[in-house]
Amino acid sequence: MEDGPESAEGSYEYAGKTYRLEERESEQWRVYDRDQYLGTVLATQAASDGSPEYTIDFAGEEGKYDEPATDDWRRAVEYIIDEAAPPAGA
């Protein structure tokens, strides 16, 4: 995948802060604020054209909610960050 979570190579810059992306299982990336686990981005093949879509699970709430999917993995990562640990000024 040319532009997917794996292209972030372990780090993701957002709102002036660096977060860590760590692939735990195939097509699942955990999002960390330093050592604090915020949630997981999960890739699915739900798009009609076969391209990946991404959904999320918040830390401690895995599988509890049916979060909508997006074709923008960055939006999924930023949603986890905003909901779990809002950046200063957000």
C-alpha atoms as a PDB file:
ATOM      1  CA  MET A   1       0.000   0.000   0.000  1.00  0.00           C
ATOM      2  CA  GLU A   2       1.658   3.211  -1.123  1.00  0.00           C
ATOM      3  CA  ASP A   3      -0.283   5.562   1.133  1.00  0.00           C
ATOM      4  CA  GLY A   4      -1.486   3.687   4.179  1.00  0.00           C
ATOM      5  CA  PRO A   5      -0.692   3.532   7.887  1.00  0.00           C
ATOM      6  CA  GLU A   6       2.434   1.500   7.206  1.00  0.00           C
ATOM      7  CA  SER A   7       3.818   4.465   5.233  1.00  0.00           C
ATOM      8  CA  ALA A   8       3.948   6.469   8.499  1.00  0.00           C
ATOM      9  CA  GLU A   9       6.900   4.225   9.503  1.00  0.00           C
ATOM     10  CA  GLY A  10       6.020   4.134  13.193  1.00  0.00           C
ATOM     11  CA  SER A  11       5.338   7.812  13.755  1.00  0.00           C
ATOM     12  CA  TYR A  12       2.580  10.229  12.908  1.00  0.00           C
ATOM     13  CA  GLU A  13       2.713  14.008  13.277  1.00  0.00           C
ATOM     14  CA  TYR A  14      -0.517  15.717  14.286  1.00  0.00           C
ATOM     15  CA  ALA A  15      -1.201  19.125  15.830  1.00  0.00           C
ATOM     16  CA  GLY A  16       2.466  19.689  16.604  1.00  0.00           C
ATOM     17  CA  LYS A  17       2.908  16.384  18.407  1.00  0.00           C
ATOM     18  CA  THR A  18       4.321  13.005  17.401  1.00  0.00           C
ATOM     19  CA  TYR A  19       2.257   9.864  17.938  1.00  0.00           C
ATOM     20  CA  ARG A  20       3.361   6.298  17.363  1.00  0.00           C
ATOM     21  CA  LEU A  21       1.689   3.809  15.022  1.00  0.00           C
ATOM     22  CA  GLU A  22       2.525   0.180  15.634  1.00  0.00           C
ATOM     23  CA  GLU A  23       1.257  -2.672  13.492  1.00  0.00           C
ATOM     24  CA  ARG A  24       0.201  -5.437  15.892  1.00  0.00           C
ATOM     25  CA  GLU A  25      -1.614  -7.775  13.576  1.00  0.00           C
ATOM     26  CA  SER A  26      -2.024  -7.741   9.833  1.00  0.00           C
ATOM     27  CA  GLU A  27      -3.966  -4.639   8.823  1.00  0.00           C
ATOM     28  CA  GLN A  28      -4.308  -3.372  12.437  1.00  0.00           C
ATOM     29  CA  TRP A  29      -2.325  -0.440  13.787  1.00  0.00           C
ATOM     30  CA  ARG A  30      -2.278   0.675  17.398  1.00  0.00           C
ATOM     31  CA  VAL A  31      -2.044   4.411  18.073  1.00  0.00           C
ATOM     32  CA  TYR A  32       0.056   5.597  21.030  1.00  0.00           C
ATOM     33  CA  ASP A  33       0.659   8.949  22.691  1.00  0.00           C
ATOM     34  CA  ARG A  34       4.122   8.184  24.036  1.00  0.00           C
ATOM     35  CA  ASP A  35       3.385   4.955  25.953  1.00  0.00           C
ATOM     36  CA  GLN A  36      -0.359   5.510  26.332  1.00  0.00           C
ATOM     37  CA  TYR A  37      -2.420   3.274  24.049  1.00  0.00           C
ATOM     38  CA  LEU A  38      -5.258   5.314  22.492  1.00  0.00           C
ATOM     39  CA  GLY A  39      -6.907   2.876  20.094  1.00  0.00           C
ATOM     40  CA  THR A  40      -6.566   0.787  16.967  1.00  0.00           C
ATOM     41  CA  VAL A  41      -7.077   1.540  13.277  1.00  0.00           C
ATOM     42  CA  LEU A  42      -8.363  -1.514  11.390  1.00  0.00           C
ATOM     43  CA  ALA A  43      -8.277  -1.937   7.613  1.00  0.00           C
ATOM     44  CA  THR A  44     -11.191  -3.629   5.868  1.00  0.00           C
ATOM     45  CA  GLN A  45     -11.928  -4.406   2.220  1.00  0.00           C
ATOM     46  CA  ALA A  46     -15.422  -2.949   2.359  1.00  0.00           C
ATOM     47  CA  ALA A  47     -15.083  -0.500  -0.520  1.00  0.00           C
ATOM     48  CA  SER A  48     -16.839  -1.551  -3.701  1.00  0.00           C
ATOM     49  CA  ASP A  49     -13.643  -1.116  -5.727  1.00  0.00           C
ATOM     50  CA  GLY A  50     -11.632  -3.348  -3.362  1.00  0.00           C
ATOM     51  CA  SER A  51      -9.570  -0.524  -1.895  1.00  0.00           C
ATOM     52  CA  PRO A  52      -9.157  -0.519   1.883  1.00  0.00           C
ATOM     53  CA  GLU A  53     -11.382   1.328   4.286  1.00  0.00           C
ATOM     54  CA  TYR A  54     -10.449   2.027   7.868  1.00  0.00           C
ATOM     55  CA  THR A  55     -12.440   1.876  11.070  1.00  0.00           C
ATOM     56  CA  ILE A  56     -11.385   2.272  14.690  1.00  0.00           C
ATOM     57  CA  ASP A  57     -11.597   0.770  18.131  1.00  0.00           C
ATOM     58  CA  PHE A  58     -10.909   2.974  21.146  1.00  0.00           C
ATOM     59  CA  ALA A  59      -8.636   1.647  23.892  1.00  0.00           C
ATOM     60  CA  GLY A  60     -10.617  -0.427  26.361  1.00  0.00           C
ATOM     61  CA  GLU A  61     -13.684  -0.412  24.133  1.00  0.00           C
ATOM     62  CA  GLU A  62     -12.565  -2.856  21.448  1.00  0.00           C
ATOM     63  CA  GLY A  63     -15.546  -4.310  19.635  1.00  0.00           C
ATOM     64  CA  LYS A  64     -18.124  -2.333  21.644  1.00  0.00           C
ATOM     65  CA  TYR A  65     -19.016   0.233  18.998  1.00  0.00           C
ATOM     66  CA  ASP A  66     -19.665   0.022  15.297  1.00  0.00           C
ATOM     67  CA  GLU A  67     -17.630   3.025  14.180  1.00  0.00           C
ATOM     68  CA  PRO A  68     -18.147   4.176  10.583  1.00  0.00           C
ATOM     69  CA  ALA A  69     -15.447   3.396   8.033  1.00  0.00           C
ATOM     70  CA  THR A  70     -13.478   5.895   5.946  1.00  0.00           C
ATOM     71  CA  ASP A  71     -11.100   5.527   3.019  1.00  0.00           C
ATOM     72  CA  ASP A  72      -8.782   8.075   4.704  1.00  0.00           C
ATOM     73  CA  TRP A  73      -6.543   6.316   7.247  1.00  0.00           C
ATOM     74  CA  ARG A  74      -5.288   9.697   8.513  1.00  0.00           C
ATOM     75  CA  ARG A  75      -8.829  10.714   9.435  1.00  0.00           C
ATOM     76  CA  ALA A  76      -9.187   7.485  11.447  1.00  0.00           C
ATOM     77  CA  VAL A  77      -5.898   8.081  13.311  1.00  0.00           C
ATOM     78  CA  GLU A  78      -6.771  11.718  14.033  1.00  0.00           C
ATOM     79  CA  TYR A  79     -10.249  10.787  15.260  1.00  0.00           C
ATOM     80  CA  ILE A  80      -8.724   8.390  17.791  1.00  0.00           C
ATOM     81  CA  ILE A  81      -6.309  11.094  18.944  1.00  0.00           C
ATOM     82  CA  ASP A  82      -8.975  13.791  19.169  1.00  0.00           C
ATOM     83  CA  GLU A  83     -11.357  11.604  21.157  1.00  0.00           C
ATOM     84  CA  ALA A  84      -8.797   9.980  23.455  1.00  0.00           C
ATOM     85  CA  ALA A  85      -6.267  12.733  24.036  1.00  0.00           C
ATOM     86  CA  PRO A  86      -7.283  16.028  22.407  1.00  0.00           C
ATOM     87  CA  PRO A  87      -4.271  18.064  21.248  1.00  0.00           C
ATOM     88  CA  ALA A  88      -3.719  21.423  22.897  1.00  0.00           C
ATOM     89  CA  GLY A  89      -5.864  24.054  21.220  1.00  0.00           C
ATOM     90  CA  ALA A  90      -8.128  21.491  19.570  1.00  0.00           C
END
